[in-house]
Protein backbone atom coordinates (compact mmCIF):
# COMPACT_ATOMS: atom_id res chain seq x y z
CA MET A 1 12.47 -70.68 31.89
CA GLY A 2 10.38 -67.57 31.43
CA ILE A 3 11.47 -67.25 27.78
CA ILE A 4 10.46 -70.84 27.06
CA VAL A 5 7.01 -70.23 28.55
CA ILE A 6 6.62 -67.05 26.51
CA LEU A 7 7.71 -68.83 23.25
CA PHE A 8 5.40 -71.76 23.96
CA SER A 9 2.52 -69.37 24.64
CA VAL A 10 3.18 -67.46 21.41
CA ILE A 11 3.33 -70.70 19.39
CA LEU A 12 0.15 -71.96 21.03
CA LEU A 13 -1.57 -68.65 20.28
CA ILE A 14 -0.51 -68.80 16.61
CA VAL A 15 -1.59 -72.43 16.21
CA THR A 16 -4.95 -71.66 17.91
CA ALA A 17 -5.49 -68.63 15.66
CA ILE A 18 -4.72 -70.72 12.56
CA TYR A 19 -7.06 -73.50 13.69
CA LEU A 20 -9.92 -71.00 14.40
CA TYR A 21 -9.34 -69.39 10.99
CA PHE A 22 -9.60 -72.78 9.29
CA LYS A 23 -12.68 -73.65 11.32
CA LYS A 24 -14.36 -70.43 10.25
CA SER A 25 -13.54 -71.14 6.62
CA TYR A 26 -14.83 -74.69 6.96
CA SER A 27 -18.21 -73.35 8.01
CA TYR A 28 -18.68 -71.47 4.73
CA PHE A 29 -20.98 -73.93 2.95
CA GLU A 30 -23.03 -74.62 6.07
CA LYS A 31 -23.81 -70.92 6.29
CA GLU A 32 -24.61 -70.81 2.59
CA GLY A 33 -26.94 -73.80 2.84
CA VAL A 34 -24.92 -75.79 0.30
CA PRO A 35 -24.46 -79.57 0.74
CA PHE A 36 -20.77 -80.24 1.37
CA ILE A 37 -18.19 -82.91 2.14
CA LYS A 38 -16.94 -82.57 5.70
CA PRO A 39 -13.32 -81.32 5.66
CA THR A 40 -10.42 -82.34 7.90
CA PHE A 41 -7.89 -79.89 9.32
CA PRO A 42 -5.59 -78.80 7.68
CA PHE A 43 -5.94 -80.40 4.20
CA GLY A 44 -9.68 -79.94 3.77
CA ASN A 45 -10.90 -82.82 1.58
CA PHE A 46 -7.44 -83.69 0.35
CA GLN A 47 -6.29 -85.56 3.43
CA GLY A 48 -3.49 -87.96 2.48
CA ILE A 49 -2.54 -86.20 -0.77
CA GLY A 50 1.00 -86.99 -1.88
CA SER A 51 1.52 -89.65 0.79
CA LYS A 52 -1.36 -92.08 1.24
CA TYR A 53 -3.42 -91.22 -1.86
CA HIS A 54 -2.87 -90.09 -5.42
CA PHE A 55 -4.69 -86.95 -6.54
CA ALA A 56 -6.90 -88.96 -8.91
CA THR A 57 -7.86 -91.37 -6.18
CA ILE A 58 -8.95 -88.56 -3.87
CA LEU A 59 -11.08 -86.92 -6.56
CA ARG A 60 -12.86 -90.21 -7.27
CA LYS A 61 -13.47 -90.76 -3.55
CA ILE A 62 -14.94 -87.24 -3.27
CA TYR A 63 -17.11 -87.83 -6.33
CA ASP A 64 -18.44 -91.15 -4.98
CA GLU A 65 -19.39 -89.42 -1.70
CA ALA A 66 -20.76 -86.31 -3.34
CA LYS A 67 -22.90 -87.64 -6.20
CA GLY A 68 -25.70 -88.76 -3.90
CA LYS A 69 -25.98 -85.36 -2.27
CA SER A 70 -26.54 -82.91 -5.09
CA LYS A 71 -25.47 -82.07 -8.65
CA VAL A 72 -23.01 -79.65 -7.03
CA VAL A 73 -21.53 -79.87 -3.55
CA GLY A 74 -19.06 -77.81 -1.54
CA PHE A 75 -15.61 -79.09 -0.65
CA PHE A 76 -12.27 -77.70 0.44
CA ASN A 77 -8.79 -77.60 -1.09
CA PHE A 78 -6.85 -76.93 2.12
CA ILE A 79 -8.74 -73.89 3.41
CA GLU A 80 -10.13 -72.78 0.02
CA PRO A 81 -13.87 -73.52 -0.48
CA GLY A 82 -14.74 -74.84 -3.94
CA TYR A 83 -17.69 -76.31 -5.81
CA PHE A 84 -17.51 -79.94 -6.92
CA ILE A 85 -19.65 -80.92 -9.91
CA THR A 86 -21.34 -84.34 -10.07
CA ASP A 87 -23.75 -83.80 -12.98
CA ILE A 88 -22.65 -83.95 -16.64
CA GLU A 89 -25.41 -81.60 -17.81
CA LEU A 90 -24.10 -79.00 -15.35
CA VAL A 91 -20.60 -79.56 -16.83
CA LYS A 92 -22.00 -78.58 -20.22
CA LEU A 93 -23.63 -75.45 -18.74
CA ILE A 94 -20.40 -74.34 -17.11
CA THR A 95 -17.98 -75.11 -19.97
CA VAL A 96 -20.16 -74.30 -22.99
CA LYS A 97 -23.59 -72.71 -22.58
CA ASN A 98 -22.64 -70.36 -19.73
CA PHE A 99 -18.99 -70.13 -20.58
CA ASN A 100 -18.92 -66.35 -20.09
CA SER A 101 -19.62 -66.89 -16.39
CA PHE A 102 -16.61 -69.25 -16.07
CA VAL A 103 -13.99 -67.88 -18.45
CA ASN A 104 -10.93 -68.38 -16.27
CA ARG A 105 -9.26 -71.33 -14.58
CA GLY A 106 -7.86 -69.57 -11.53
CA MET A 107 -4.40 -71.02 -12.02
CA PHE A 108 -1.04 -69.90 -10.62
CA VAL A 109 0.70 -67.27 -12.76
CA ASN A 110 3.79 -65.35 -11.70
CA GLU A 111 4.97 -63.64 -14.81
CA GLU A 112 7.46 -61.38 -13.06
CA ASN A 113 9.48 -64.13 -11.39
CA GLU A 114 8.47 -67.06 -13.59
CA PRO A 115 7.53 -65.85 -17.11
CA LEU A 116 7.00 -69.40 -18.42
CA THR A 117 3.82 -69.69 -16.34
CA ALA A 118 2.05 -66.96 -18.38
CA HIS A 119 0.89 -69.37 -21.11
CA LEU A 120 -2.47 -70.03 -22.74
CA VAL A 121 -3.73 -72.46 -20.09
CA ASN A 122 -3.11 -70.04 -17.22
CA ILE A 123 -3.73 -66.51 -18.50
CA GLU A 124 -7.16 -64.92 -18.09
CA ASP A 125 -9.88 -62.72 -19.60
CA ASP A 126 -9.06 -60.60 -22.64
CA ARG A 127 -5.45 -61.66 -22.64
CA TRP A 128 -6.53 -65.30 -22.92
CA ARG A 129 -8.99 -64.46 -25.73
CA PHE A 130 -6.27 -62.62 -27.63
CA MET A 131 -3.78 -65.47 -27.27
CA ARG A 132 -6.37 -68.13 -28.11
CA ASN A 133 -7.29 -66.31 -31.33
CA LYS A 134 -3.59 -65.94 -32.24
CA LEU A 135 -2.81 -69.61 -31.68
CA SER A 136 -5.94 -71.18 -33.22
CA PRO A 137 -4.47 -71.30 -36.76
CA VAL A 138 -1.56 -73.33 -35.42
CA PHE A 139 -3.85 -76.33 -34.92
CA THR A 140 -5.52 -76.46 -38.32
CA SER A 141 -5.31 -79.73 -40.21
CA GLY A 142 -2.83 -78.28 -42.70
CA LYS A 143 -0.41 -77.11 -40.00
CA LEU A 144 -0.62 -80.44 -38.17
CA ARG A 145 -0.02 -82.27 -41.40
CA SER A 146 3.20 -80.37 -41.93
CA MET A 147 4.40 -81.36 -38.44
CA TYR A 148 3.47 -85.00 -39.01
CA ALA A 149 6.47 -85.55 -41.25
CA ILE A 150 8.78 -84.65 -38.36
CA ILE A 151 6.90 -87.00 -36.00
CA ASN A 152 6.93 -89.83 -38.54
CA GLY A 153 10.67 -89.50 -39.10
CA LEU A 154 11.43 -89.65 -35.39
CA SER A 155 9.22 -92.75 -35.05
CA GLU A 156 11.97 -94.69 -36.83
CA ASN A 157 14.27 -93.93 -33.92
CA LEU A 158 11.68 -95.32 -31.54
CA ILE A 159 11.48 -98.58 -33.50
CA LYS A 160 15.26 -98.96 -33.44
CA ALA A 161 15.41 -98.19 -29.70
CA THR A 162 12.65 -100.76 -29.02
CA GLU A 163 14.44 -103.41 -31.12
CA LYS A 164 17.62 -102.91 -29.09
CA GLN A 165 15.74 -103.65 -25.89
CA SER A 166 13.45 -106.36 -27.29
CA LYS A 167 15.25 -109.25 -25.60
CA ASN A 168 14.77 -107.71 -22.19
CA SER A 169 11.85 -106.14 -20.35
CA ILE A 170 11.21 -102.54 -21.39
CA GLU A 171 10.54 -99.69 -18.95
CA VAL A 172 7.90 -98.20 -21.23
CA LYS A 173 7.35 -94.87 -19.46
CA ASN A 174 11.03 -94.01 -19.62
CA LEU A 175 11.17 -95.02 -23.27
CA MET A 176 8.09 -93.05 -24.25
CA THR A 177 9.18 -90.01 -22.31
CA LYS A 178 12.45 -89.93 -24.20
CA PHE A 179 10.59 -90.36 -27.51
CA THR A 180 8.07 -87.64 -26.83
CA VAL A 181 10.77 -85.29 -25.60
CA ASP A 182 12.49 -85.85 -28.96
CA VAL A 183 9.24 -85.29 -30.87
CA VAL A 184 7.95 -82.30 -28.91
CA SER A 185 11.33 -80.52 -28.75
CA SER A 186 11.68 -80.94 -32.52
CA THR A 187 8.14 -79.82 -33.41
CA SER A 188 8.19 -77.11 -30.74
CA PHE A 189 11.49 -75.34 -31.30
CA GLY A 190 13.50 -77.34 -33.84
CA MET A 191 15.83 -79.00 -31.34
CA ASN A 192 17.44 -82.29 -32.32
CA ALA A 193 17.30 -83.69 -28.79
CA ASN A 194 18.02 -87.34 -29.56
CA CYS A 195 17.17 -88.38 -26.01
CA LEU A 196 16.34 -91.92 -27.25
CA ASN A 197 20.04 -92.37 -27.91
CA ASP A 198 21.04 -90.61 -24.68
CA GLU A 199 22.79 -87.85 -26.60
CA ASN A 200 21.17 -84.93 -24.77
CA LYS A 201 21.52 -85.71 -21.11
CA GLU A 202 20.82 -82.12 -20.04
CA LEU A 203 17.39 -82.02 -21.71
CA HIS A 204 16.59 -85.50 -20.36
CA GLU A 205 17.55 -84.39 -16.83
CA ILE A 206 15.46 -81.21 -17.21
CA SER A 207 12.50 -83.35 -18.34
CA ARG A 208 12.91 -85.60 -15.31
CA GLU A 209 12.94 -82.53 -13.10
CA ILE A 210 9.71 -81.28 -14.65
CA PHE A 211 7.78 -84.56 -14.87
CA GLY A 212 9.50 -86.92 -12.45
CA ALA A 213 9.98 -87.26 -8.71
CA GLU A 214 12.56 -84.46 -8.80
CA GLY A 215 9.82 -81.97 -9.72
CA ALA A 216 7.48 -79.98 -7.50
CA SER A 217 5.75 -82.03 -4.80
CA PRO A 218 1.97 -82.50 -4.92
CA MET A 219 1.73 -80.50 -1.69
CA LYS A 220 3.53 -77.55 -3.23
CA LEU A 221 1.43 -77.65 -6.38
CA PHE A 222 -1.78 -77.73 -4.35
CA PHE A 223 -0.60 -74.77 -2.33
CA LEU A 224 0.25 -72.80 -5.52
CA PHE A 225 -3.20 -73.45 -7.00
CA ALA A 226 -5.13 -72.97 -3.74
CA PHE A 227 -3.36 -69.72 -2.84
CA PRO A 228 -1.98 -68.19 -6.06
CA GLU A 229 -1.75 -64.63 -4.71
CA LEU A 230 -0.07 -65.71 -1.44
CA SER A 231 2.29 -67.90 -3.48
CA LYS A 232 3.27 -64.88 -5.61
CA PHE A 233 3.82 -62.81 -2.45
CA LEU A 234 6.05 -65.56 -1.01
CA LYS A 235 7.85 -65.77 -4.37
CA LEU A 236 7.14 -69.47 -4.74
CA ARG A 237 7.86 -71.11 -8.07
CA GLN A 238 6.18 -73.91 -10.00
CA PHE A 239 9.46 -74.71 -11.76
CA SER A 240 13.03 -74.28 -10.60
CA LYS A 241 15.27 -71.50 -11.89
CA ARG A 242 17.30 -74.15 -13.69
CA VAL A 243 14.29 -75.26 -15.69
CA THR A 244 13.16 -71.71 -16.40
CA ASN A 245 16.62 -70.52 -17.47
CA PHE A 246 17.22 -73.60 -19.63
CA PHE A 247 14.10 -73.11 -21.73
CA ILE A 248 14.45 -69.33 -21.96
CA ASN A 249 18.02 -69.73 -23.25
CA VAL A 250 17.23 -72.58 -25.64
CA ILE A 251 14.18 -70.94 -27.17
CA SER A 252 15.71 -67.44 -27.33
CA GLU A 253 18.88 -68.72 -29.05
CA ASN A 254 16.77 -70.73 -31.50
CA ILE A 255 14.72 -67.66 -32.36
CA LYS A 256 17.82 -65.53 -32.91
CA TYR A 257 19.43 -68.18 -35.11
CA ARG A 258 16.36 -68.50 -37.30
CA GLU A 259 15.88 -64.76 -37.67
CA ASP A 260 19.55 -64.20 -38.47
CA ASN A 261 19.71 -67.03 -41.00
CA ASN A 262 16.19 -66.75 -42.47
CA ASP A 263 15.55 -70.35 -41.38
CA ASN A 264 11.86 -71.20 -41.87
CA ARG A 265 10.89 -74.66 -40.62
CA SER A 266 7.45 -76.25 -40.54
CA ASP A 267 7.13 -76.26 -36.79
CA PHE A 268 5.44 -74.54 -33.90
CA LEU A 269 8.27 -72.13 -33.16
CA ASN A 270 8.33 -70.86 -36.75
CA MET A 271 4.66 -69.93 -36.46
CA LEU A 272 5.30 -68.17 -33.15
CA ILE A 273 8.14 -66.19 -34.76
CA GLN A 274 5.72 -65.07 -37.47
CA LEU A 275 3.28 -63.92 -34.79
CA LYS A 276 6.11 -62.02 -33.13
CA ASN A 277 7.36 -60.30 -36.29
CA LYS A 278 4.16 -59.85 -38.32
CA GLY A 279 1.27 -60.48 -35.96
CA SER A 280 -0.15 -63.25 -38.16
CA ILE A 281 0.77 -66.68 -39.52
CA ASP A 282 1.59 -67.08 -43.23
CA GLY A 283 -1.41 -68.21 -45.19
CA GLU A 284 -3.92 -67.36 -42.43
CA PHE A 285 -6.24 -64.39 -42.55
CA SER A 286 -6.41 -62.33 -39.38
CA THR A 287 -8.00 -58.98 -38.51
CA GLU A 288 -5.87 -58.82 -35.33
CA THR A 289 -2.39 -57.56 -36.27
CA LYS A 290 -1.00 -57.03 -32.77
CA LYS A 291 2.32 -58.85 -32.43
CA LEU A 292 3.37 -61.24 -29.70
CA THR A 293 6.17 -60.31 -27.35
CA LEU A 294 9.26 -62.42 -26.81
CA ASN A 295 8.02 -63.40 -23.35
CA GLU A 296 4.68 -64.49 -24.79
CA ILE A 297 6.46 -66.65 -27.32
CA LEU A 298 8.69 -68.20 -24.64
CA ALA A 299 5.64 -69.10 -22.49
CA GLN A 300 3.68 -70.66 -25.37
CA ALA A 301 6.66 -72.66 -26.61
CA PHE A 302 7.24 -73.97 -23.11
CA LEU A 303 3.56 -74.92 -22.78
CA PHE A 304 3.82 -76.84 -26.04
CA PHE A 305 6.74 -78.80 -24.61
CA PHE A 306 5.28 -79.17 -21.12
CA ALA A 307 1.74 -80.20 -22.13
CA GLY A 308 2.75 -82.25 -25.16
CA THR A 309 5.48 -84.26 -23.47
CA ASP A 310 3.71 -85.30 -20.26
CA THR A 311 0.30 -85.95 -21.76
CA SER A 312 1.53 -87.83 -24.85
CA SER A 313 4.14 -89.99 -23.05
CA THR A 314 1.65 -90.90 -20.32
CA THR A 315 -1.09 -91.80 -22.78
CA ALA A 316 1.26 -93.80 -25.02
CA SER A 317 2.76 -95.62 -22.00
CA TYR A 318 -0.66 -96.63 -20.66
CA GLY A 319 -1.82 -97.58 -24.14
CA LEU A 320 1.17 -99.89 -24.72
CA THR A 321 0.72 -101.42 -21.27
CA GLU A 322 -2.97 -102.11 -21.96
CA LEU A 323 -2.10 -103.71 -25.32
CA ALA A 324 0.46 -105.93 -23.58
CA PHE A 325 -2.24 -107.16 -21.17
CA HIS A 326 -4.93 -107.54 -23.85
CA GLN A 327 -3.60 -109.77 -26.64
CA ASP A 328 -6.96 -109.80 -28.47
CA VAL A 329 -6.95 -106.00 -28.76
CA GLN A 330 -3.32 -106.02 -29.82
CA ASP A 331 -3.98 -108.62 -32.55
CA LYS A 332 -7.00 -106.69 -33.89
CA LEU A 333 -5.04 -103.44 -33.99
CA ARG A 334 -2.09 -105.10 -35.70
CA GLN A 335 -4.38 -106.48 -38.40
CA GLU A 336 -5.84 -103.00 -39.01
CA ILE A 337 -2.40 -101.47 -39.38
CA LEU A 338 -1.21 -104.23 -41.74
CA ALA A 339 -4.36 -103.92 -43.86
CA MET A 340 -4.08 -100.14 -44.09
CA THR A 341 -0.40 -100.19 -45.10
CA LYS A 342 -0.26 -103.22 -47.39
CA ASP A 343 0.12 -101.00 -50.46
CA THR A 344 2.47 -98.43 -48.93
CA ASN A 345 5.34 -100.69 -47.82
CA GLY A 346 4.49 -100.09 -44.19
CA GLU A 347 4.45 -96.29 -44.50
CA ILE A 348 1.67 -94.49 -42.60
CA SER A 349 0.62 -91.10 -43.96
CA TYR A 350 -1.21 -88.42 -42.02
CA GLU A 351 -4.43 -89.29 -43.83
CA THR A 352 -3.99 -93.03 -43.26
CA LEU A 353 -3.42 -92.50 -39.55
CA HIS A 354 -6.78 -90.77 -39.23
CA GLU A 355 -8.51 -93.51 -41.18
CA MET A 356 -7.46 -96.17 -38.65
CA THR A 357 -10.74 -96.40 -36.77
CA TYR A 358 -9.70 -99.12 -34.33
CA LEU A 359 -6.47 -97.28 -33.45
CA ASN A 360 -8.59 -94.26 -32.66
CA GLN A 361 -10.80 -96.42 -30.46
CA VAL A 362 -7.77 -97.78 -28.59
CA VAL A 363 -6.48 -94.25 -27.96
CA ASN A 364 -9.90 -93.05 -26.79
CA GLU A 365 -10.31 -95.96 -24.37
CA THR A 366 -6.80 -95.33 -23.04
CA LEU A 367 -7.68 -91.68 -22.48
CA ARG A 368 -10.92 -92.67 -20.77
CA MET A 369 -9.23 -95.01 -18.26
CA HIS A 370 -6.06 -92.99 -17.87
CA THR A 371 -7.22 -89.42 -18.40
CA PRO A 372 -4.14 -87.11 -18.17
CA GLY A 373 -6.11 -84.24 -16.68
CA PHE A 374 -7.89 -85.76 -13.71
CA ALA A 375 -9.99 -82.60 -13.26
CA ASN A 376 -10.91 -79.37 -15.05
CA LEU A 377 -10.96 -76.12 -13.09
CA ARG A 378 -13.05 -73.05 -13.73
CA LYS A 379 -13.38 -69.84 -11.73
CA ALA A 380 -16.72 -68.01 -11.53
CA ASN A 381 -16.40 -64.39 -12.71
CA GLU A 382 -20.00 -63.70 -11.66
CA ASP A 383 -22.60 -65.31 -9.43
CA PHE A 384 -24.21 -68.30 -11.12
CA LYS A 385 -27.52 -69.85 -10.02
CA VAL A 386 -27.40 -73.64 -10.53
CA PRO A 387 -30.65 -74.64 -12.35
CA GLY A 388 -32.96 -76.88 -10.37
CA THR A 389 -31.33 -76.08 -7.03
CA ASN A 390 -31.16 -73.33 -4.43
CA ILE A 391 -27.37 -73.16 -4.88
CA THR A 392 -25.55 -70.14 -6.22
CA ILE A 393 -21.91 -70.49 -7.19
CA LYS A 394 -20.41 -67.25 -5.90
CA LYS A 395 -18.19 -64.98 -7.89
CA GLY A 396 -14.47 -65.64 -7.33
CA TYR A 397 -14.87 -69.28 -6.28
CA LYS A 398 -13.44 -72.23 -8.17
CA VAL A 399 -15.45 -75.02 -9.72
CA TRP A 400 -13.93 -78.50 -9.92
CA ILE A 401 -15.02 -80.89 -12.69
CA PRO A 402 -13.77 -84.43 -11.91
CA THR A 403 -13.15 -85.67 -15.45
CA LEU A 404 -11.67 -89.08 -14.53
CA ALA A 405 -14.54 -89.80 -12.13
CA PHE A 406 -17.08 -89.22 -14.92
CA HIS A 407 -15.05 -91.60 -17.11
CA PHE A 408 -15.62 -94.35 -14.54
CA GLU A 409 -19.29 -93.57 -13.86
CA GLU A 410 -21.23 -96.85 -14.22
CA LYS A 411 -24.30 -95.01 -15.49
CA TYR A 412 -22.43 -94.39 -18.72
CA TRP A 413 -19.77 -97.13 -18.79
CA LYS A 414 -20.55 -100.79 -18.17
CA ASN A 415 -17.67 -102.47 -16.27
CA PRO A 416 -15.70 -99.19 -16.32
CA SER A 417 -12.47 -100.83 -15.02
CA LYS A 418 -12.33 -103.11 -18.08
CA PHE A 419 -10.24 -101.96 -21.07
CA ASP A 420 -12.62 -102.18 -24.02
CA PRO A 421 -11.96 -100.09 -27.19
CA ASP A 422 -15.33 -101.19 -28.63
CA ARG A 423 -16.93 -98.63 -26.31
CA PHE A 424 -15.98 -96.11 -29.01
CA THR A 425 -17.71 -97.59 -32.01
CA PRO A 426 -20.22 -95.15 -33.51
CA GLU A 427 -23.10 -97.31 -32.23
CA GLU A 428 -21.83 -97.31 -28.65
CA ILE A 429 -20.99 -93.59 -28.64
CA ALA A 430 -24.58 -92.85 -29.74
CA LYS A 431 -25.89 -94.57 -26.59
CA ARG A 432 -24.11 -92.19 -24.20
CA PRO A 433 -24.61 -88.51 -23.35
CA PRO A 434 -22.03 -86.43 -25.21
CA MET A 435 -20.55 -85.01 -21.99
CA SER A 436 -19.77 -88.46 -20.55
CA TYR A 437 -16.37 -88.33 -22.24
CA PHE A 438 -14.15 -85.22 -22.38
CA PRO A 439 -10.45 -86.12 -21.77
CA PHE A 440 -9.21 -82.71 -22.86
CA GLY A 441 -11.97 -80.55 -21.41
CA GLU A 442 -14.88 -79.01 -23.23
CA GLY A 443 -15.93 -75.60 -24.60
CA PRO A 444 -13.78 -72.66 -25.67
CA ARG A 445 -11.31 -73.33 -22.88
CA ASN A 446 -10.61 -76.96 -23.83
CA CYS A 447 -7.09 -78.15 -24.58
CA LYS A 448 -6.01 -76.59 -27.93
CA TYR A 449 -3.25 -79.22 -28.14
CA PHE A 450 -5.73 -82.10 -28.27
CA TYR A 451 -5.23 -83.10 -31.91
CA LEU A 452 -1.49 -82.90 -31.81
CA ILE A 453 -1.38 -84.90 -28.56
CA SER A 454 -3.56 -87.51 -30.24
CA ILE A 455 -1.11 -87.75 -33.16
CA TYR A 456 1.81 -88.11 -30.77
CA SER A 457 0.03 -90.90 -28.89
CA GLU A 458 -1.07 -92.75 -32.03
């Protein structure tokens, strides 16, 4: 009986200590004199995440409550205080004009135990600048044009797969995930995945583990990003060892084969191999000759697969769904495609694709309503006084920019829940502030894969 009392007392003491610690943290903005959204123990302002509410829903709820308080308000991710932005001009200051005050994202990186996390999106400071400069030539128009032939060829497989299922209902997300896995694995590291024909079950299973319900839970991801250093100490992982080992083996074997056989393909991995062996990409001038390490190549190739597959398949799936529900938009888009390809026997070149203005409008409206990145994160590397307020964003604290919420702000978008590609005619674009639409972020730290993802989606 005495042992039970002692154990109960110890547990009660621990719980009380944790509660008091949270309570102290939750008083941070009150002491700083910053308007804030009242948190709830223990999830802060993310109560219901992963069970009752989707991440995007919670961010929009926070935005709706916060926008009447100030252009920036305090809120809490679990116990971590953060600054929530509600003003698009402040977004521009943080991401562009005062970028040097917010260089990093503050993401989870555990290079020792999980080398694939040390990619361009996550790494920081000078290392990020170095990698960004190295990878910038990859996304020039000429390089993307060379990859387009691969994408165009694989599109024929998608047409055949769709025709096979045309008499029945089509689970479009599954179909588009298989297609984008085929496309991204081919353009990333030359793998003939053929997931559309169910010939690479291992890669399809790995993809489901990364992007599907089998992957990391929302709660785990939030913990990783809220407490990156504690997560590293606890040796937590964003991806399973199976996922990590699979990609390390596949990419490493592909690199070895190409180097042994002098195999030069027009894809992303070939350019990474050039950066590894020579420090520069063929045909591109560079004053920086430092070479990439094998681990750096592995991480960037994985990012290409990870970011390209999820973002493109999601955008394409939502786009097709919106077209199915909006026959008028579908008919107008079909007429544009037929008109643009009447002299090419249905073939769509890289140049023709970019000349399809209505297709571009459809993709932009899809990205507005179904933005893949619900929020952009930045981490202050120095104190930053918010103009027009008495608020100072303190060094070391994260800033949350709720992208999707801005894309539904009625000040900029009339009837924002309505799918309307005509919002993106030149005349309509000119009526809105430039920062009212930024599906892939803004400034030097925006998504470098934007143009390729757009091609995949189109």
